[in-house]
Amino acid sequence: MNNIVYYLIEGGRALELAKQHIQEVRRVREASITLSKEAGAERFMVSLTNGVLMGVDFGSRPRHPDFKVPNRRGVSYPKKGTEWSRRFREQKGHESTSYVISHAFNIPLSISFGASEPFKNWRSIGYPLAECGFLYPSEKGPFAMYVVDVPFHVSGIQKMGYKVAEPAASFVMEFDGARRIEKEEWDIVVAEHKLKAKKEKAK
C-alpha cells in the first residue's frame, strides 16, 4: 500500500515503545480472561481499540443472571445497574497502538490544507483509515512498526494545488531506533524467525 511505510525496530525509543505496549496488551488480555472465567463464560469478545472485555459467550453453560440474553452471534452483555455492569465499566484498557506510536513520534494523522491561510480544509490520514501499529511474531521479537506515509498524502494534496499546514507539510519519516524497510523484507524476517524456532524445537 502506498499510504503505509514499514520499519524494522532495532532499538532506541521504538523498541522501548513496542515492549511497553506489548506488556500493556498482555495485562489487559489477562484481565479479560480472568473476568470472563469469573462470569462462567466459554468465550469472550474484546475491544479492538483498547482490549477491554466487551461481551461474553456462555455457550452451553448457564447464563449468569447479571447478563442479557445473547444476541444472534451468541454474545451477552451485562445488564444495566448490575455488579457485572460496574466491573465492565471499571476496566482499564491499553491505549490504541495508533495513538501510542503517533503520539510518541508526533506523527500527524490529519492534514489541514487550503488555497491560503487560514486553512479551512481538513483530511484524516490515520486512524481508522491507515493506523500506525506494531508487528511481531512473538513477544520477544523481532519487532517492526508500520506508519501512515505522511509525505505521500501531503504530495497528493499539493498536486491538487493546495497548500498544506505544518506539521504535516515538512514531516520527516525518521524515527529513533527504527530503520525503513519494504514489506517484503519484514516477511522474510518473520519467515526466518519461524524457521529458526522450528529448528530449535526439533532438536
N, C-alpha and C. Protein backbone atom coordinates (compact mmCIF):
# COMPACT_ATOMS: atom_id res chain seq x y z
N MET A 1 0.84 -1.20 0.00
CA MET A 1 0.00 0.00 0.00
C MET A 1 0.88 1.26 0.00
N ASN A 2 0.53 2.22 -0.80
CA ASN A 2 1.32 3.44 -0.91
C ASN A 2 1.23 4.33 0.33
N ASN A 3 0.16 4.15 1.11
CA ASN A 3 -0.02 5.04 2.25
C ASN A 3 0.50 4.45 3.56
N ILE A 4 1.25 3.35 3.50
CA ILE A 4 1.81 2.72 4.68
C ILE A 4 3.31 2.49 4.47
N VAL A 5 4.10 2.81 5.50
CA VAL A 5 5.55 2.61 5.46
C VAL A 5 5.94 1.68 6.61
N TYR A 6 6.85 0.74 6.32
CA TYR A 6 7.27 -0.24 7.32
C TYR A 6 8.67 0.06 7.83
N TYR A 7 8.87 -0.25 9.13
CA TYR A 7 10.17 -0.03 9.77
C TYR A 7 10.54 -1.23 10.62
N LEU A 8 11.80 -1.65 10.49
CA LEU A 8 12.33 -2.68 11.37
C LEU A 8 12.80 -2.01 12.64
N ILE A 9 12.33 -2.47 13.78
CA ILE A 9 12.72 -1.87 15.06
C ILE A 9 14.00 -2.51 15.56
N GLU A 10 15.01 -1.69 15.75
CA GLU A 10 16.33 -2.20 16.14
C GLU A 10 16.79 -1.70 17.51
N GLY A 11 16.10 -0.75 18.09
CA GLY A 11 16.50 -0.24 19.40
C GLY A 11 15.85 1.09 19.68
N GLY A 12 16.46 1.87 20.57
CA GLY A 12 16.00 3.21 20.85
C GLY A 12 14.57 3.32 21.33
N ARG A 13 13.98 4.48 21.06
CA ARG A 13 12.63 4.77 21.51
C ARG A 13 11.60 3.81 20.92
N ALA A 14 11.81 3.40 19.68
CA ALA A 14 10.86 2.50 19.03
C ALA A 14 10.78 1.16 19.76
N LEU A 15 11.92 0.60 20.14
CA LEU A 15 11.93 -0.68 20.85
C LEU A 15 11.31 -0.54 22.23
N GLU A 16 11.60 0.56 22.88
CA GLU A 16 11.03 0.83 24.21
C GLU A 16 9.51 0.88 24.13
N LEU A 17 9.00 1.58 23.13
CA LEU A 17 7.55 1.69 22.95
C LEU A 17 6.91 0.34 22.68
N ALA A 18 7.53 -0.44 21.79
CA ALA A 18 6.98 -1.74 21.42
C ALA A 18 6.87 -2.65 22.65
N LYS A 19 7.93 -2.73 23.43
CA LYS A 19 7.94 -3.61 24.61
C LYS A 19 6.92 -3.15 25.65
N GLN A 20 6.85 -1.84 25.87
CA GLN A 20 5.88 -1.31 26.84
C GLN A 20 4.45 -1.61 26.40
N HIS A 21 4.19 -1.43 25.10
CA HIS A 21 2.84 -1.66 24.61
C HIS A 21 2.46 -3.14 24.69
N ILE A 22 3.39 -4.01 24.38
CA ILE A 22 3.12 -5.45 24.46
C ILE A 22 2.80 -5.86 25.89
N GLN A 23 3.51 -5.28 26.85
CA GLN A 23 3.23 -5.56 28.26
C GLN A 23 1.82 -5.11 28.64
N GLU A 24 1.43 -3.94 28.14
CA GLU A 24 0.09 -3.44 28.42
C GLU A 24 -0.99 -4.31 27.78
N VAL A 25 -0.75 -4.74 26.55
CA VAL A 25 -1.69 -5.61 25.86
C VAL A 25 -1.86 -6.92 26.62
N ARG A 26 -0.73 -7.46 27.12
CA ARG A 26 -0.78 -8.70 27.89
C ARG A 26 -1.57 -8.51 29.18
N ARG A 27 -1.32 -7.37 29.84
CA ARG A 27 -2.03 -7.10 31.10
C ARG A 27 -3.54 -7.08 30.88
N VAL A 28 -3.98 -6.36 29.87
CA VAL A 28 -5.41 -6.23 29.60
C VAL A 28 -6.00 -7.57 29.16
N ARG A 29 -5.24 -8.31 28.36
CA ARG A 29 -5.70 -9.62 27.90
C ARG A 29 -5.92 -10.57 29.08
N GLU A 30 -4.97 -10.61 29.99
CA GLU A 30 -5.08 -11.49 31.15
C GLU A 30 -6.25 -11.08 32.03
N ALA A 31 -6.49 -9.76 32.16
CA ALA A 31 -7.62 -9.28 32.95
C ALA A 31 -8.94 -9.69 32.30
N SER A 32 -9.00 -9.64 30.98
CA SER A 32 -10.21 -10.03 30.26
C SER A 32 -10.49 -11.52 30.43
N ILE A 33 -9.44 -12.32 30.36
CA ILE A 33 -9.59 -13.76 30.54
C ILE A 33 -10.10 -14.07 31.94
N THR A 34 -9.53 -13.39 32.94
CA THR A 34 -9.95 -13.60 34.33
C THR A 34 -11.42 -13.23 34.52
N LEU A 35 -11.82 -12.08 34.00
CA LEU A 35 -13.21 -11.64 34.14
C LEU A 35 -14.18 -12.61 33.48
N SER A 36 -13.84 -13.05 32.28
CA SER A 36 -14.75 -13.96 31.56
C SER A 36 -14.89 -15.30 32.28
N LYS A 37 -13.80 -15.78 32.88
CA LYS A 37 -13.86 -17.03 33.63
C LYS A 37 -14.72 -16.87 34.88
N GLU A 38 -14.59 -15.73 35.55
CA GLU A 38 -15.39 -15.48 36.75
C GLU A 38 -16.88 -15.39 36.42
N ALA A 39 -17.18 -14.94 35.21
CA ALA A 39 -18.58 -14.86 34.79
C ALA A 39 -19.12 -16.23 34.37
N GLY A 40 -18.20 -17.18 34.18
CA GLY A 40 -18.60 -18.53 33.77
C GLY A 40 -18.75 -18.71 32.28
N ALA A 41 -18.14 -17.80 31.51
CA ALA A 41 -18.27 -17.85 30.05
C ALA A 41 -17.29 -18.83 29.42
N GLU A 42 -17.64 -19.30 28.23
CA GLU A 42 -16.75 -20.18 27.46
C GLU A 42 -15.83 -19.37 26.56
N ARG A 43 -16.37 -18.28 26.04
CA ARG A 43 -15.60 -17.42 25.14
C ARG A 43 -15.90 -15.97 25.47
N PHE A 44 -15.11 -15.07 24.88
CA PHE A 44 -15.34 -13.65 25.15
C PHE A 44 -14.95 -12.80 23.96
N MET A 45 -15.42 -11.56 23.97
CA MET A 45 -15.14 -10.60 22.90
C MET A 45 -14.53 -9.35 23.52
N VAL A 46 -13.45 -8.86 22.93
CA VAL A 46 -12.79 -7.68 23.46
C VAL A 46 -12.80 -6.54 22.44
N SER A 47 -12.55 -5.35 22.92
CA SER A 47 -12.47 -4.16 22.06
C SER A 47 -11.19 -4.22 21.24
N LEU A 48 -11.30 -3.94 19.96
CA LEU A 48 -10.12 -3.92 19.09
C LEU A 48 -9.27 -2.69 19.36
N THR A 49 -9.83 -1.69 20.00
CA THR A 49 -9.12 -0.45 20.27
C THR A 49 -8.29 -0.50 21.54
N ASN A 50 -8.91 -0.92 22.65
CA ASN A 50 -8.18 -0.91 23.93
C ASN A 50 -8.15 -2.24 24.65
N GLY A 51 -8.70 -3.29 24.05
CA GLY A 51 -8.57 -4.64 24.58
C GLY A 51 -9.49 -5.03 25.72
N VAL A 52 -10.33 -4.12 26.21
CA VAL A 52 -11.18 -4.46 27.35
C VAL A 52 -12.27 -5.44 26.96
N LEU A 53 -12.77 -6.16 27.94
CA LEU A 53 -13.83 -7.13 27.72
C LEU A 53 -15.12 -6.41 27.35
N MET A 54 -15.72 -6.78 26.21
CA MET A 54 -16.94 -6.15 25.74
C MET A 54 -18.17 -7.01 26.00
N GLY A 55 -18.03 -8.31 25.80
CA GLY A 55 -19.15 -9.23 25.97
C GLY A 55 -18.63 -10.64 26.12
N VAL A 56 -19.52 -11.55 26.53
CA VAL A 56 -19.11 -12.94 26.74
C VAL A 56 -20.09 -13.89 26.06
N ASP A 57 -19.61 -15.08 25.80
CA ASP A 57 -20.43 -16.14 25.20
C ASP A 57 -20.44 -17.30 26.18
N PHE A 58 -21.60 -17.60 26.73
CA PHE A 58 -21.70 -18.67 27.72
C PHE A 58 -21.76 -20.06 27.07
N GLY A 59 -22.02 -20.09 25.76
CA GLY A 59 -22.05 -21.37 25.06
C GLY A 59 -23.08 -22.29 25.66
N SER A 60 -22.66 -23.47 26.08
CA SER A 60 -23.56 -24.47 26.66
C SER A 60 -23.74 -24.30 28.17
N ARG A 61 -23.02 -23.33 28.74
CA ARG A 61 -23.10 -23.12 30.18
C ARG A 61 -24.28 -22.23 30.54
N PRO A 62 -24.74 -22.31 31.78
CA PRO A 62 -25.86 -21.46 32.22
C PRO A 62 -25.46 -19.99 32.16
N ARG A 63 -26.38 -19.15 31.69
CA ARG A 63 -26.10 -17.72 31.60
C ARG A 63 -26.19 -17.08 32.98
N HIS A 64 -25.19 -16.28 33.31
CA HIS A 64 -25.18 -15.56 34.58
C HIS A 64 -26.38 -14.60 34.60
N PRO A 65 -27.10 -14.52 35.71
CA PRO A 65 -28.30 -13.66 35.77
C PRO A 65 -28.03 -12.17 35.56
N ASP A 66 -26.79 -11.74 35.73
CA ASP A 66 -26.45 -10.33 35.50
C ASP A 66 -26.26 -9.99 34.03
N PHE A 67 -26.38 -11.01 33.17
CA PHE A 67 -26.16 -10.79 31.73
C PHE A 67 -27.43 -10.94 30.92
N LYS A 68 -27.51 -10.16 29.85
CA LYS A 68 -28.68 -10.18 28.97
C LYS A 68 -28.72 -11.44 28.12
N VAL A 69 -29.86 -11.67 27.51
CA VAL A 69 -29.99 -12.78 26.56
C VAL A 69 -29.02 -12.53 25.42
N PRO A 70 -28.29 -13.57 24.99
CA PRO A 70 -27.29 -13.37 23.93
C PRO A 70 -27.89 -12.90 22.62
N ASN A 71 -27.11 -12.10 21.87
CA ASN A 71 -27.57 -11.67 20.55
C ASN A 71 -27.40 -12.80 19.55
N ARG A 72 -27.62 -12.52 18.28
CA ARG A 72 -27.59 -13.58 17.27
C ARG A 72 -26.20 -14.17 17.07
N ARG A 73 -25.18 -13.47 17.57
CA ARG A 73 -23.81 -14.01 17.50
C ARG A 73 -23.44 -14.76 18.77
N GLY A 74 -24.38 -14.84 19.70
CA GLY A 74 -24.13 -15.58 20.94
C GLY A 74 -23.46 -14.77 22.02
N VAL A 75 -23.34 -13.45 21.82
CA VAL A 75 -22.65 -12.59 22.78
C VAL A 75 -23.64 -11.97 23.76
N SER A 76 -23.32 -12.06 25.04
CA SER A 76 -24.15 -11.47 26.10
C SER A 76 -23.42 -10.29 26.73
N TYR A 77 -24.20 -9.27 27.08
CA TYR A 77 -23.65 -8.09 27.72
C TYR A 77 -24.28 -7.92 29.10
N PRO A 78 -23.55 -7.29 30.03
CA PRO A 78 -24.10 -7.10 31.37
C PRO A 78 -25.36 -6.23 31.37
N LYS A 79 -26.28 -6.57 32.25
CA LYS A 79 -27.48 -5.76 32.39
C LYS A 79 -27.14 -4.46 33.12
N LYS A 80 -27.79 -3.39 32.75
CA LYS A 80 -27.56 -2.09 33.35
C LYS A 80 -27.85 -2.12 34.85
N GLY A 81 -26.95 -1.52 35.61
CA GLY A 81 -27.16 -1.42 37.04
C GLY A 81 -26.71 -2.61 37.85
N THR A 82 -26.14 -3.63 37.20
CA THR A 82 -25.69 -4.82 37.91
C THR A 82 -24.22 -4.68 38.32
N GLU A 83 -23.80 -5.60 39.20
CA GLU A 83 -22.41 -5.62 39.62
C GLU A 83 -21.48 -5.86 38.43
N TRP A 84 -21.92 -6.72 37.52
CA TRP A 84 -21.09 -7.01 36.35
C TRP A 84 -21.01 -5.82 35.40
N SER A 85 -22.07 -5.02 35.35
CA SER A 85 -22.04 -3.80 34.55
C SER A 85 -20.97 -2.85 35.10
N ARG A 86 -20.90 -2.76 36.42
CA ARG A 86 -19.89 -1.91 37.06
C ARG A 86 -18.49 -2.43 36.78
N ARG A 87 -18.30 -3.75 36.88
CA ARG A 87 -16.97 -4.33 36.68
C ARG A 87 -16.50 -4.12 35.23
N PHE A 88 -17.41 -4.25 34.30
CA PHE A 88 -17.05 -3.99 32.89
C PHE A 88 -16.67 -2.53 32.70
N ARG A 89 -17.43 -1.66 33.33
CA ARG A 89 -17.22 -0.22 33.16
C ARG A 89 -15.90 0.23 33.77
N GLU A 90 -15.44 -0.43 34.83
CA GLU A 90 -14.23 -0.03 35.53
C GLU A 90 -12.95 -0.64 34.98
N GLN A 91 -13.06 -1.39 33.90
CA GLN A 91 -11.86 -1.98 33.29
C GLN A 91 -10.93 -0.87 32.80
N LYS A 92 -9.64 -1.12 32.89
CA LYS A 92 -8.64 -0.18 32.40
C LYS A 92 -7.95 -0.80 31.19
N GLY A 93 -8.27 -0.30 30.02
CA GLY A 93 -7.69 -0.86 28.81
C GLY A 93 -6.34 -0.24 28.48
N HIS A 94 -5.73 -0.73 27.42
CA HIS A 94 -4.48 -0.15 26.94
C HIS A 94 -4.79 0.91 25.89
N GLU A 95 -3.85 1.80 25.66
CA GLU A 95 -4.04 2.81 24.63
C GLU A 95 -3.98 2.16 23.25
N SER A 96 -4.66 2.74 22.28
CA SER A 96 -4.62 2.19 20.93
C SER A 96 -3.20 2.28 20.39
N THR A 97 -2.81 1.28 19.62
CA THR A 97 -1.47 1.25 19.06
C THR A 97 -1.21 2.48 18.21
N SER A 98 -2.21 2.90 17.46
CA SER A 98 -2.05 4.06 16.60
C SER A 98 -1.73 5.30 17.42
N TYR A 99 -2.40 5.45 18.55
CA TYR A 99 -2.15 6.62 19.41
C TYR A 99 -0.75 6.54 20.03
N VAL A 100 -0.36 5.35 20.50
CA VAL A 100 0.95 5.19 21.14
C VAL A 100 2.06 5.64 20.21
N ILE A 101 2.03 5.17 18.98
CA ILE A 101 3.10 5.49 18.02
C ILE A 101 3.02 6.94 17.54
N SER A 102 1.84 7.37 17.15
CA SER A 102 1.70 8.73 16.61
C SER A 102 2.02 9.78 17.66
N HIS A 103 1.64 9.52 18.92
CA HIS A 103 1.89 10.49 19.99
C HIS A 103 3.38 10.55 20.32
N ALA A 104 4.03 9.38 20.39
CA ALA A 104 5.45 9.33 20.76
C ALA A 104 6.33 10.02 19.72
N PHE A 105 5.98 9.88 18.44
CA PHE A 105 6.81 10.43 17.37
C PHE A 105 6.18 11.66 16.70
N ASN A 106 5.11 12.18 17.32
CA ASN A 106 4.45 13.39 16.79
C ASN A 106 4.05 13.23 15.32
N ILE A 107 3.52 12.07 14.99
CA ILE A 107 3.10 11.80 13.62
C ILE A 107 1.72 12.39 13.38
N PRO A 108 1.57 13.30 12.44
CA PRO A 108 0.25 13.89 12.17
C PRO A 108 -0.67 12.86 11.49
N LEU A 109 -1.84 12.65 12.08
CA LEU A 109 -2.81 11.71 11.50
C LEU A 109 -3.93 12.45 10.79
N SER A 110 -3.75 13.75 10.65
CA SER A 110 -4.69 14.55 9.88
C SER A 110 -3.92 15.70 9.24
N ILE A 111 -4.48 16.23 8.17
CA ILE A 111 -3.82 17.31 7.44
C ILE A 111 -4.79 18.47 7.24
N SER A 112 -4.31 19.67 7.56
CA SER A 112 -5.07 20.89 7.27
C SER A 112 -4.51 21.49 5.99
N PHE A 113 -5.39 21.94 5.11
CA PHE A 113 -4.90 22.48 3.83
C PHE A 113 -5.92 23.45 3.24
N GLY A 114 -5.47 24.17 2.23
CA GLY A 114 -6.36 25.11 1.56
C GLY A 114 -5.60 25.94 0.55
N ALA A 115 -6.30 26.86 -0.08
CA ALA A 115 -5.68 27.73 -1.09
C ALA A 115 -4.79 28.77 -0.42
N SER A 116 -5.19 29.19 0.79
CA SER A 116 -4.42 30.18 1.54
C SER A 116 -4.79 30.08 3.02
N GLU A 117 -3.93 30.65 3.84
CA GLU A 117 -4.20 30.63 5.28
C GLU A 117 -5.26 31.67 5.64
N PRO A 118 -6.12 31.43 6.67
CA PRO A 118 -6.17 30.19 7.47
C PRO A 118 -6.80 29.05 6.68
N PHE A 119 -6.20 27.86 6.80
CA PHE A 119 -6.69 26.71 6.05
C PHE A 119 -8.01 26.21 6.62
N LYS A 120 -8.96 25.98 5.75
CA LYS A 120 -10.30 25.57 6.19
C LYS A 120 -10.61 24.10 5.88
N ASN A 121 -9.74 23.45 5.12
CA ASN A 121 -9.98 22.05 4.77
C ASN A 121 -9.21 21.12 5.71
N TRP A 122 -9.77 19.97 5.93
CA TRP A 122 -9.17 19.01 6.86
C TRP A 122 -9.37 17.60 6.32
N ARG A 123 -8.35 16.78 6.46
CA ARG A 123 -8.45 15.39 5.99
C ARG A 123 -7.77 14.46 6.99
N SER A 124 -8.46 13.37 7.35
CA SER A 124 -7.86 12.34 8.20
C SER A 124 -6.99 11.44 7.35
N ILE A 125 -5.75 11.17 7.80
CA ILE A 125 -4.88 10.26 7.05
C ILE A 125 -4.44 9.09 7.93
N GLY A 126 -4.94 9.08 9.15
CA GLY A 126 -4.57 8.00 10.06
C GLY A 126 -5.77 7.19 10.46
N TYR A 127 -5.83 6.84 11.73
CA TYR A 127 -6.91 6.01 12.26
C TYR A 127 -8.25 6.63 11.94
N PRO A 128 -9.27 5.86 11.46
CA PRO A 128 -9.20 4.41 11.24
C PRO A 128 -8.84 4.02 9.81
N LEU A 129 -8.43 4.98 8.99
CA LEU A 129 -8.15 4.68 7.58
C LEU A 129 -6.82 3.95 7.40
N ALA A 130 -5.81 4.35 8.12
CA ALA A 130 -4.49 3.72 7.99
C ALA A 130 -3.76 3.85 9.31
N GLU A 131 -4.02 2.95 10.20
CA GLU A 131 -3.43 3.02 11.53
C GLU A 131 -1.92 2.85 11.52
N CYS A 132 -1.30 3.37 12.57
CA CYS A 132 0.08 3.03 12.88
C CYS A 132 0.00 1.79 13.77
N GLY A 133 0.98 0.91 13.70
CA GLY A 133 0.90 -0.28 14.52
C GLY A 133 2.22 -1.00 14.66
N PHE A 134 2.26 -1.95 15.58
CA PHE A 134 3.43 -2.80 15.79
C PHE A 134 3.19 -4.17 15.16
N LEU A 135 4.29 -4.79 14.73
CA LEU A 135 4.25 -6.15 14.19
C LEU A 135 5.29 -6.99 14.93
N TYR A 136 4.93 -8.20 15.32
CA TYR A 136 5.88 -9.08 15.99
C TYR A 136 5.34 -10.52 16.00
N PRO A 137 6.17 -11.48 15.57
CA PRO A 137 5.73 -12.88 15.57
C PRO A 137 5.69 -13.48 16.97
N SER A 138 6.40 -12.88 17.92
CA SER A 138 6.37 -13.32 19.31
C SER A 138 6.65 -12.12 20.20
N GLU A 139 6.33 -12.23 21.47
CA GLU A 139 6.53 -11.11 22.39
C GLU A 139 8.00 -10.80 22.61
N LYS A 140 8.88 -11.71 22.21
CA LYS A 140 10.32 -11.50 22.35
C LYS A 140 10.93 -10.92 21.08
N GLY A 141 10.11 -10.71 20.08
CA GLY A 141 10.59 -10.13 18.82
C GLY A 141 10.75 -11.19 17.74
N PRO A 142 11.24 -10.77 16.59
CA PRO A 142 11.64 -9.41 16.19
C PRO A 142 10.44 -8.47 16.10
N PHE A 143 10.73 -7.18 16.06
CA PHE A 143 9.67 -6.18 16.06
C PHE A 143 9.75 -5.27 14.84
N ALA A 144 8.59 -4.82 14.42
CA ALA A 144 8.52 -3.84 13.33
C ALA A 144 7.34 -2.93 13.63
N MET A 145 7.26 -1.85 12.90
CA MET A 145 6.07 -1.00 13.03
C MET A 145 5.72 -0.45 11.65
N TYR A 146 4.46 -0.16 11.48
CA TYR A 146 4.03 0.47 10.23
C TYR A 146 3.41 1.82 10.57
N VAL A 147 3.63 2.76 9.68
CA VAL A 147 3.24 4.15 9.93
C VAL A 147 2.61 4.73 8.66
N VAL A 148 1.59 5.53 8.85
CA VAL A 148 0.97 6.17 7.71
C VAL A 148 2.01 7.05 7.01
N ASP A 149 2.03 6.99 5.68
CA ASP A 149 3.02 7.73 4.88
C ASP A 149 2.56 9.18 4.72
N VAL A 150 2.98 10.02 5.65
CA VAL A 150 2.55 11.42 5.66
C VAL A 150 2.96 12.16 4.37
N PRO A 151 4.22 12.08 3.94
CA PRO A 151 4.61 12.79 2.71
C PRO A 151 3.80 12.36 1.48
N PHE A 152 3.40 11.09 1.44
CA PHE A 152 2.58 10.60 0.32
C PHE A 152 1.27 11.38 0.24
N HIS A 153 0.63 11.55 1.39
CA HIS A 153 -0.65 12.27 1.43
C HIS A 153 -0.45 13.76 1.18
N VAL A 154 0.62 14.32 1.73
CA VAL A 154 0.91 15.73 1.53
C VAL A 154 1.11 16.02 0.04
N SER A 155 1.89 15.15 -0.60
CA SER A 155 2.16 15.32 -2.03
C SER A 155 0.88 15.28 -2.85
N GLY A 156 -0.02 14.35 -2.48
CA GLY A 156 -1.28 14.22 -3.21
C GLY A 156 -2.12 15.49 -3.12
N ILE A 157 -2.14 16.09 -1.94
CA ILE A 157 -2.91 17.32 -1.75
C ILE A 157 -2.26 18.50 -2.47
N GLN A 158 -0.93 18.56 -2.42
CA GLN A 158 -0.22 19.64 -3.10
C GLN A 158 -0.40 19.56 -4.62
N LYS A 159 -0.51 18.36 -5.15
CA LYS A 159 -0.71 18.20 -6.59
C LYS A 159 -2.06 18.73 -7.04
N MET A 160 -2.99 18.86 -6.09
CA MET A 160 -4.30 19.42 -6.41
C MET A 160 -4.28 20.95 -6.34
N GLY A 161 -3.09 21.49 -6.01
CA GLY A 161 -2.95 22.94 -5.99
C GLY A 161 -3.15 23.59 -4.65
N TYR A 162 -3.22 22.79 -3.59
CA TYR A 162 -3.42 23.34 -2.26
C TYR A 162 -2.12 23.47 -1.49
N LYS A 163 -2.13 24.37 -0.49
CA LYS A 163 -1.03 24.49 0.45
C LYS A 163 -1.36 23.64 1.67
N VAL A 164 -0.34 23.05 2.29
CA VAL A 164 -0.53 22.17 3.44
C VAL A 164 0.07 22.80 4.68
N ALA A 165 -0.63 22.71 5.78
CA ALA A 165 -0.17 23.29 7.04
C ALA A 165 0.85 22.38 7.72
N GLU A 166 1.63 22.97 8.61
CA GLU A 166 2.53 22.20 9.46
C GLU A 166 1.71 21.54 10.58
N PRO A 167 2.16 20.43 11.15
CA PRO A 167 3.49 19.84 10.96
C PRO A 167 3.58 18.87 9.77
N ALA A 168 2.44 18.60 9.13
CA ALA A 168 2.43 17.62 8.05
C ALA A 168 3.28 18.05 6.86
N ALA A 169 3.27 19.35 6.54
CA ALA A 169 3.93 19.85 5.34
C ALA A 169 5.40 19.46 5.24
N SER A 170 6.11 19.48 6.36
CA SER A 170 7.55 19.18 6.32
C SER A 170 7.91 17.97 7.19
N PHE A 171 6.93 17.11 7.45
CA PHE A 171 7.19 15.97 8.34
C PHE A 171 8.18 15.00 7.70
N VAL A 172 9.18 14.58 8.48
CA VAL A 172 10.21 13.65 8.01
C VAL A 172 9.95 12.27 8.61
N MET A 173 9.93 11.26 7.78
CA MET A 173 9.62 9.90 8.22
C MET A 173 10.86 9.19 8.77
N GLU A 174 11.40 9.71 9.84
CA GLU A 174 12.56 9.10 10.51
C GLU A 174 12.26 8.98 12.00
N PHE A 175 12.51 7.79 12.57
CA PHE A 175 12.15 7.53 13.95
C PHE A 175 13.29 6.82 14.69
N ASP A 176 13.56 7.26 15.91
CA ASP A 176 14.64 6.72 16.70
C ASP A 176 14.49 5.21 16.92
N GLY A 177 15.52 4.47 16.51
CA GLY A 177 15.53 3.02 16.71
C GLY A 177 14.85 2.22 15.63
N ALA A 178 14.37 2.89 14.57
CA ALA A 178 13.64 2.19 13.52
C ALA A 178 14.27 2.45 12.15
N ARG A 179 14.42 1.39 11.36
CA ARG A 179 15.01 1.51 10.03
C ARG A 179 13.96 1.15 8.98
N ARG A 180 13.80 2.03 8.01
CA ARG A 180 12.78 1.83 6.99
C ARG A 180 13.11 0.62 6.12
N ILE A 181 12.09 -0.22 5.89
CA ILE A 181 12.25 -1.41 5.06
C ILE A 181 11.02 -1.56 4.17
N GLU A 182 11.11 -2.50 3.25
CA GLU A 182 9.96 -2.85 2.43
C GLU A 182 9.14 -3.93 3.15
N LYS A 183 7.88 -4.00 2.85
CA LYS A 183 7.01 -5.00 3.48
C LYS A 183 7.55 -6.40 3.25
N GLU A 184 8.09 -6.63 2.05
CA GLU A 184 8.63 -7.96 1.73
C GLU A 184 9.83 -8.31 2.61
N GLU A 185 10.61 -7.32 2.99
CA GLU A 185 11.74 -7.57 3.89
C GLU A 185 11.26 -8.05 5.25
N TRP A 186 10.18 -7.45 5.74
CA TRP A 186 9.62 -7.90 7.02
C TRP A 186 9.10 -9.32 6.91
N ASP A 187 8.50 -9.64 5.78
CA ASP A 187 8.01 -11.01 5.56
C ASP A 187 9.16 -12.01 5.65
N ILE A 188 10.32 -11.62 5.12
CA ILE A 188 11.49 -12.50 5.17
C ILE A 188 11.98 -12.65 6.61
N VAL A 189 12.00 -11.55 7.36
CA VAL A 189 12.42 -11.58 8.77
C VAL A 189 11.52 -12.53 9.56
N VAL A 190 10.23 -12.45 9.34
CA VAL A 190 9.28 -13.31 10.04
C VAL A 190 9.48 -14.77 9.65
N ALA A 191 9.69 -15.02 8.36
CA ALA A 191 9.90 -16.39 7.88
C ALA A 191 11.16 -16.99 8.49
N GLU A 192 12.22 -16.20 8.56
CA GLU A 192 13.48 -16.67 9.15
C GLU A 192 13.30 -16.95 10.64
N HIS A 193 12.53 -16.12 11.31
CA HIS A 193 12.26 -16.32 12.74
C HIS A 193 11.50 -17.63 12.96
N LYS A 194 10.49 -17.87 12.14
CA LYS A 194 9.70 -19.10 12.27
C LYS A 194 10.53 -20.34 11.97
N LEU A 195 11.41 -20.23 10.96
CA LEU A 195 12.27 -21.36 10.60
C LEU A 195 13.23 -21.67 11.73
N LYS A 196 13.82 -20.64 12.32
CA LYS A 196 14.75 -20.83 13.44
C LYS A 196 14.04 -21.47 14.63
N ALA A 197 12.85 -21.01 14.92
CA ALA A 197 12.08 -21.56 16.04
C ALA A 197 11.72 -23.02 15.78
N LYS A 198 11.40 -23.34 14.54
CA LYS A 198 11.04 -24.71 14.18
C LYS A 198 12.23 -25.65 14.32
N LYS A 199 13.43 -25.17 13.91
CA LYS A 199 14.64 -25.98 14.01
C LYS A 199 15.01 -26.21 15.47
N GLU A 200 14.87 -25.17 16.30
CA GLU A 200 15.21 -25.31 17.71
C GLU A 200 14.26 -26.27 18.42
N LYS A 201 13.00 -26.26 18.00
CA LYS A 201 12.02 -27.15 18.59
C LYS A 201 12.28 -28.59 18.22
N ALA A 202 12.87 -28.79 17.03
CA ALA A 202 13.12 -30.15 16.53
C ALA A 202 14.37 -30.77 17.15
N LYS A 203 15.19 -29.98 17.84
CA LYS A 203 16.43 -30.50 18.43
C LYS A 203 16.15 -31.46 19.58
